[in-house]
């Protein structure tokens, strides 16, 4: 098991790193040998064999847990980790690299404390690769006073304090699913009961999953990340969750690219 160590510095490689060039060379040979457009696994297996034969130290599909205060928040399994150098991720795409691919490799870089990554596409006539550099950012939430509709201000303060400490220790950079796990772990470690993805009946549809955290059966917490900020849509979504969970209030936590924010949201009252 692995946990995040905030004091460890990312290892920075130079543009002329021979290991990076060697890795790309082996990937090109594999692409030429196999041809484009097959399943990712065959490229992975051939490239792993080539790296082993070349004596390039690497981890192949290492599965590691992100722990926060002893609680598992997420699990990561990249294609490779070239130890002390970079994280390559193999794709076989019909189109171009997408935003979710960048988020994926940046999460891997953050977890393994490496600055550099390679996205590689074996789906085209020629091998396509893109080198990306990850930069870590620290942030803190703004000071917010709970509004009048928050009936349990002590619980609100406990939640905000726990999540703020987590943000300080971890720093920005993870996707929203990872942050949801971290927020759950942070609040749970502070004492309150946390219910992940509760189910409820919506109109006449039973067993509908609500993608928020329910805290002490009192409020809901909704998590977003790597967007431009808390939007009207985010508020409307949390209001929907509060409505069907029959909870009076909730908090949105947003973990952006360079800043963090939070907002209280009230149960939508019936118009009369």
Protein backbone atom coordinates (compact mmCIF):
# COMPACT_ATOMS: atom_id res chain seq x y z
CA UNK A 1 0.00 0.00 0.00
CA UNK A 2 1.10 3.54 -0.71
CA UNK A 3 0.06 6.82 0.82
CA UNK A 4 0.74 10.37 -0.26
CA UNK A 5 3.87 12.02 1.11
CA UNK A 6 3.45 15.80 0.66
CA UNK A 7 7.04 16.67 1.56
CA UNK A 8 8.63 14.63 -1.21
CA UNK A 9 9.68 16.67 -4.23
CA UNK A 10 8.87 15.54 -7.77
CA UNK A 11 11.89 14.30 -9.70
CA UNK A 12 12.54 16.46 -12.73
CA UNK A 13 14.05 14.99 -15.89
CA UNK A 14 15.86 16.90 -18.59
CA UNK A 15 14.62 17.20 -22.14
CA UNK A 16 17.53 15.02 -23.28
CA UNK A 17 16.89 12.15 -20.87
CA UNK A 18 18.18 9.01 -22.64
CA UNK A 19 15.65 6.77 -20.89
CA UNK A 20 12.78 8.73 -22.39
CA UNK A 21 14.29 8.47 -25.86
CA UNK A 22 14.97 4.77 -25.38
CA UNK A 23 11.39 4.16 -24.28
CA UNK A 24 10.00 5.97 -27.33
CA UNK A 25 12.35 3.99 -29.55
CA UNK A 26 11.13 0.69 -28.13
CA UNK A 27 7.51 1.83 -28.50
CA UNK A 28 8.13 2.68 -32.16
CA UNK A 29 9.60 -0.77 -32.76
CA UNK A 30 6.60 -2.41 -31.11
CA UNK A 31 4.22 -0.30 -33.21
CA UNK A 32 6.09 -1.29 -36.37
CA UNK A 33 6.16 -4.98 -35.39
CA UNK A 34 2.50 -5.27 -34.41
CA UNK A 35 0.91 -2.65 -36.62
CA UNK A 36 -1.72 -0.07 -35.62
CA UNK A 37 -5.19 -0.53 -34.27
CA UNK A 38 -5.18 -3.70 -32.17
CA UNK A 39 -6.03 -3.97 -28.47
CA UNK A 40 -3.88 -2.04 -26.01
CA UNK A 41 -2.84 -5.21 -24.17
CA UNK A 42 -0.68 -6.61 -26.99
CA UNK A 43 1.29 -3.35 -27.21
CA UNK A 44 1.68 -3.36 -23.45
CA UNK A 45 2.99 -6.92 -23.34
CA UNK A 46 5.45 -6.42 -26.19
CA UNK A 47 6.71 -3.14 -24.77
CA UNK A 48 7.13 -4.63 -21.29
CA UNK A 49 9.22 -7.45 -22.79
CA UNK A 50 11.33 -4.94 -24.73
CA UNK A 51 11.96 -2.81 -21.61
CA UNK A 52 12.96 -5.87 -19.63
CA UNK A 53 15.35 -7.02 -22.36
CA UNK A 54 16.88 -3.53 -22.52
CA UNK A 55 17.38 -3.39 -18.75
CA UNK A 56 15.10 -0.36 -18.29
CA UNK A 57 13.74 -0.47 -14.75
CA UNK A 58 9.97 -0.20 -14.77
CA UNK A 59 6.77 -1.18 -13.01
CA UNK A 60 4.17 -2.84 -15.24
CA UNK A 61 0.56 -2.08 -14.29
CA UNK A 62 1.38 -1.41 -10.63
CA UNK A 63 -1.80 -1.22 -8.56
CA UNK A 64 -1.48 1.11 -5.57
CA UNK A 65 -3.97 2.55 -3.08
CA UNK A 66 -4.10 6.22 -2.16
CA UNK A 67 -4.56 6.28 1.60
CA UNK A 68 -5.56 9.27 3.70
CA UNK A 69 -5.22 8.79 7.44
CA UNK A 70 -5.40 5.05 6.96
CA UNK A 71 -8.55 5.13 4.82
CA UNK A 72 -8.45 4.13 1.14
CA UNK A 73 -9.52 7.05 -1.05
CA UNK A 74 -8.76 5.70 -4.54
CA UNK A 75 -6.72 3.14 -6.46
CA UNK A 76 -4.36 3.84 -9.36
CA UNK A 77 -3.09 1.41 -12.00
CA UNK A 78 -1.07 3.05 -14.79
CA UNK A 79 0.28 1.02 -17.69
CA UNK A 80 3.89 1.68 -16.66
CA UNK A 81 5.93 3.65 -14.20
CA UNK A 82 9.50 4.19 -15.34
CA UNK A 83 11.01 4.54 -11.89
CA UNK A 84 12.33 7.99 -11.01
CA UNK A 85 11.59 9.25 -14.51
CA UNK A 86 8.08 9.36 -15.97
CA UNK A 87 4.68 7.71 -16.34
CA UNK A 88 3.77 6.45 -19.83
CA UNK A 89 0.18 5.57 -20.67
CA UNK A 90 -0.71 3.54 -23.76
CA UNK A 91 -3.80 4.19 -25.86
CA UNK A 92 -5.21 2.87 -29.11
CA UNK A 93 -7.50 5.64 -30.31
CA UNK A 94 -9.64 6.41 -33.33
CA UNK A 95 -9.47 10.14 -32.58
CA UNK A 96 -7.07 12.42 -30.74
CA UNK A 97 -5.99 12.52 -27.12
CA UNK A 98 -8.83 13.88 -24.98
CA UNK A 99 -8.93 15.96 -21.81
CA UNK A 100 -9.67 12.89 -19.67
CA UNK A 101 -6.43 11.28 -20.86
CA UNK A 102 -4.44 14.29 -19.61
CA UNK A 103 -6.26 14.19 -16.27
CA UNK A 104 -5.52 10.48 -16.01
CA UNK A 105 -1.75 10.80 -16.46
CA UNK A 106 -1.54 13.89 -14.26
CA UNK A 107 -3.21 11.92 -11.45
CA UNK A 108 -0.60 9.20 -11.93
CA UNK A 109 2.22 11.78 -11.89
CA UNK A 110 0.88 13.34 -8.70
CA UNK A 111 0.52 9.98 -6.97
CA UNK A 112 3.98 8.71 -7.96
CA UNK A 113 5.53 12.16 -7.42
CA UNK A 114 6.91 12.39 -10.95
CA UNK A 115 6.78 15.48 -13.12
CA UNK A 116 6.79 13.97 -16.60
CA UNK A 117 4.43 11.65 -18.47
CA UNK A 118 3.99 10.29 -21.98
CA UNK A 119 0.70 9.64 -23.73
CA UNK A 120 1.22 7.15 -26.56
CA UNK A 121 -1.32 6.31 -29.27
CA UNK A 122 -0.84 3.00 -31.11
CA UNK A 123 -4.04 3.45 -33.13
CA UNK A 124 -2.63 5.50 -36.00
CA UNK A 125 -0.48 4.70 -39.04
CA UNK A 126 2.51 6.12 -37.20
CA UNK A 127 3.04 6.05 -33.45
CA UNK A 128 1.81 9.28 -31.86
CA UNK A 129 3.18 10.46 -28.52
CA UNK A 130 2.77 13.53 -26.39
CA UNK A 131 5.05 14.51 -23.52
CA UNK A 132 3.32 16.28 -20.64
CA UNK A 133 4.74 18.04 -17.59
CA UNK A 134 2.77 18.05 -14.36
CA UNK A 135 2.98 20.99 -11.98
CA UNK A 136 1.62 20.74 -8.44
CA UNK A 137 -0.42 23.59 -6.92
CA UNK A 138 -1.31 24.31 -3.33
CA UNK A 139 -4.53 26.06 -2.34
CA UNK A 140 -6.88 26.79 0.53
CA UNK A 141 -10.59 27.40 0.83
CA UNK A 142 -11.89 30.93 1.40
CA UNK A 143 -13.28 31.82 4.82
CA UNK A 144 -17.03 31.14 4.75
CA UNK A 145 -19.59 31.69 7.51
CA UNK A 146 -22.40 29.10 7.46
CA UNK A 147 -25.65 30.80 6.37
CA UNK A 148 -28.77 30.80 8.52
CA UNK A 149 -30.31 27.72 6.90
CA UNK A 150 -27.44 25.56 8.24
CA UNK A 151 -29.02 24.15 11.39
CA UNK A 152 -25.97 22.24 12.63
CA UNK A 153 -23.11 24.71 12.50
CA UNK A 154 -20.84 22.50 14.60
CA UNK A 155 -21.10 19.72 12.01
CA UNK A 156 -20.49 22.22 9.20
CA UNK A 157 -17.36 23.47 10.95
CA UNK A 158 -16.10 19.91 11.47
CA UNK A 159 -16.61 19.07 7.80
CA UNK A 160 -14.87 22.21 6.53
CA UNK A 161 -11.97 21.83 8.93
CA UNK A 162 -11.41 18.18 7.98
CA UNK A 163 -11.55 18.84 4.22
CA UNK A 164 -9.35 21.94 4.56
CA UNK A 165 -6.68 19.92 6.36
CA UNK A 166 -6.84 17.31 3.61
CA UNK A 167 -6.42 19.97 0.92
CA UNK A 168 -3.41 21.42 2.73
CA UNK A 169 -1.76 18.00 3.02
CA UNK A 170 -2.56 16.73 -0.48
CA UNK A 171 -2.55 19.80 -2.74
CA UNK A 172 -4.53 20.16 -5.95
CA UNK A 173 -4.26 17.94 -9.01
CA UNK A 174 -6.52 14.91 -8.59
CA UNK A 175 -9.70 14.14 -10.55
CA UNK A 176 -13.12 14.48 -8.91
CA UNK A 177 -13.50 10.75 -8.16
CA UNK A 178 -10.21 10.80 -6.24
CA UNK A 179 -11.21 13.95 -4.38
CA UNK A 180 -14.56 12.42 -3.49
CA UNK A 181 -12.68 9.53 -1.89
CA UNK A 182 -10.31 11.92 -0.11
CA UNK A 183 -13.17 14.07 1.19
CA UNK A 184 -14.95 10.95 2.45
CA UNK A 185 -11.78 9.77 4.21
CA UNK A 186 -11.11 13.22 5.71
CA UNK A 187 -14.62 13.62 7.14
CA UNK A 188 -14.79 10.05 8.34
CA UNK A 189 -11.43 10.35 10.12
CA UNK A 190 -12.77 13.47 11.90
CA UNK A 191 -15.61 11.48 13.47
CA UNK A 192 -18.88 12.00 11.54
CA UNK A 193 -20.59 9.07 9.84
CA UNK A 194 -20.23 9.18 6.06
CA UNK A 195 -22.57 7.39 3.65
CA UNK A 196 -21.10 7.09 0.14
CA UNK A 197 -23.47 7.18 -2.84
CA UNK A 198 -26.75 6.64 -0.96
CA UNK A 199 -29.80 5.27 -2.76
CA UNK A 200 -33.35 6.57 -2.52
CA UNK A 201 -36.68 6.51 -4.32
CA UNK A 202 -37.13 9.22 -6.94
CA UNK A 203 -40.83 9.68 -7.85
CA UNK A 204 -41.73 5.99 -8.22
CA UNK A 205 -38.25 4.72 -9.09
CA UNK A 206 -36.61 2.91 -6.14
CA UNK A 207 -32.88 2.35 -5.69
CA UNK A 208 -31.69 5.51 -7.45
CA UNK A 209 -28.05 6.30 -6.57
CA UNK A 210 -27.36 9.84 -5.42
CA UNK A 211 -23.70 10.77 -6.14
CA UNK A 212 -23.16 12.82 -2.98
CA UNK A 213 -21.84 11.98 0.46
CA UNK A 214 -24.40 12.01 3.28
CA UNK A 215 -22.90 13.14 6.59
CA UNK A 216 -24.49 12.03 9.89
CA UNK A 217 -27.84 11.74 8.07
CA UNK A 218 -27.93 15.54 8.31
CA UNK A 219 -26.39 17.08 5.20
CA UNK A 220 -24.93 16.21 1.80
CA UNK A 221 -21.49 16.94 0.36
CA UNK A 222 -20.98 17.21 -3.41
CA UNK A 223 -17.46 17.22 -4.88
CA UNK A 224 -16.22 18.67 -8.17
CA UNK A 225 -12.67 19.04 -9.51
CA UNK A 226 -10.59 20.39 -12.38
CA UNK A 227 -13.36 22.57 -13.78
CA UNK A 228 -13.53 26.36 -13.85
CA UNK A 229 -15.33 26.65 -10.52
CA UNK A 230 -18.66 26.10 -8.78
CA UNK A 231 -21.42 26.69 -11.31
CA UNK A 232 -25.17 27.23 -11.17
CA UNK A 233 -25.53 23.70 -12.50
CA UNK A 234 -23.47 22.32 -9.59
CA UNK A 235 -25.79 24.11 -7.15
CA UNK A 236 -28.88 22.81 -8.96
CA UNK A 237 -27.51 19.24 -8.88
CA UNK A 238 -26.88 19.39 -5.14
CA UNK A 239 -30.36 20.84 -4.63
CA UNK A 240 -31.75 17.82 -6.47
CA UNK A 241 -29.77 15.52 -4.17
CA UNK A 242 -31.04 17.36 -1.09
CA UNK A 243 -34.60 17.21 -2.35
CA UNK A 244 -34.69 13.46 -2.86
CA UNK A 245 -32.60 12.68 0.21
CA UNK A 246 -34.86 14.96 2.30
CA UNK A 247 -31.92 16.89 3.74
CA UNK A 248 -31.99 20.59 4.62
CA UNK A 249 -28.52 21.67 3.47
CA UNK A 250 -25.30 20.65 1.82
CA UNK A 251 -21.83 21.82 0.82
CA UNK A 252 -20.11 21.83 -2.57
CA UNK A 253 -16.33 21.43 -2.44
CA UNK A 254 -14.50 22.36 -5.62
CA UNK A 255 -10.85 21.47 -6.25
CA UNK A 256 -9.78 23.39 -9.34
CA UNK A 257 -6.59 23.49 -11.34
CA UNK A 258 -5.05 26.29 -9.27
CA UNK A 259 -7.72 27.31 -6.72
CA UNK A 260 -10.27 25.72 -4.38
CA UNK A 261 -13.70 26.89 -3.29
CA UNK A 262 -16.77 25.81 -1.33
CA UNK A 263 -20.42 26.84 -1.19
CA UNK A 264 -23.41 26.08 1.01
CA UNK A 265 -26.63 25.02 -0.71
CA UNK A 266 -30.15 24.90 0.74
CA UNK A 267 -32.90 22.36 0.11
CA UNK A 268 -35.19 23.79 -2.60
CA UNK A 269 -38.35 24.83 -0.81
CA UNK A 270 -41.74 24.15 -2.27
CA UNK A 271 -43.32 27.22 -3.77
CA UNK A 272 -46.61 28.06 -2.18
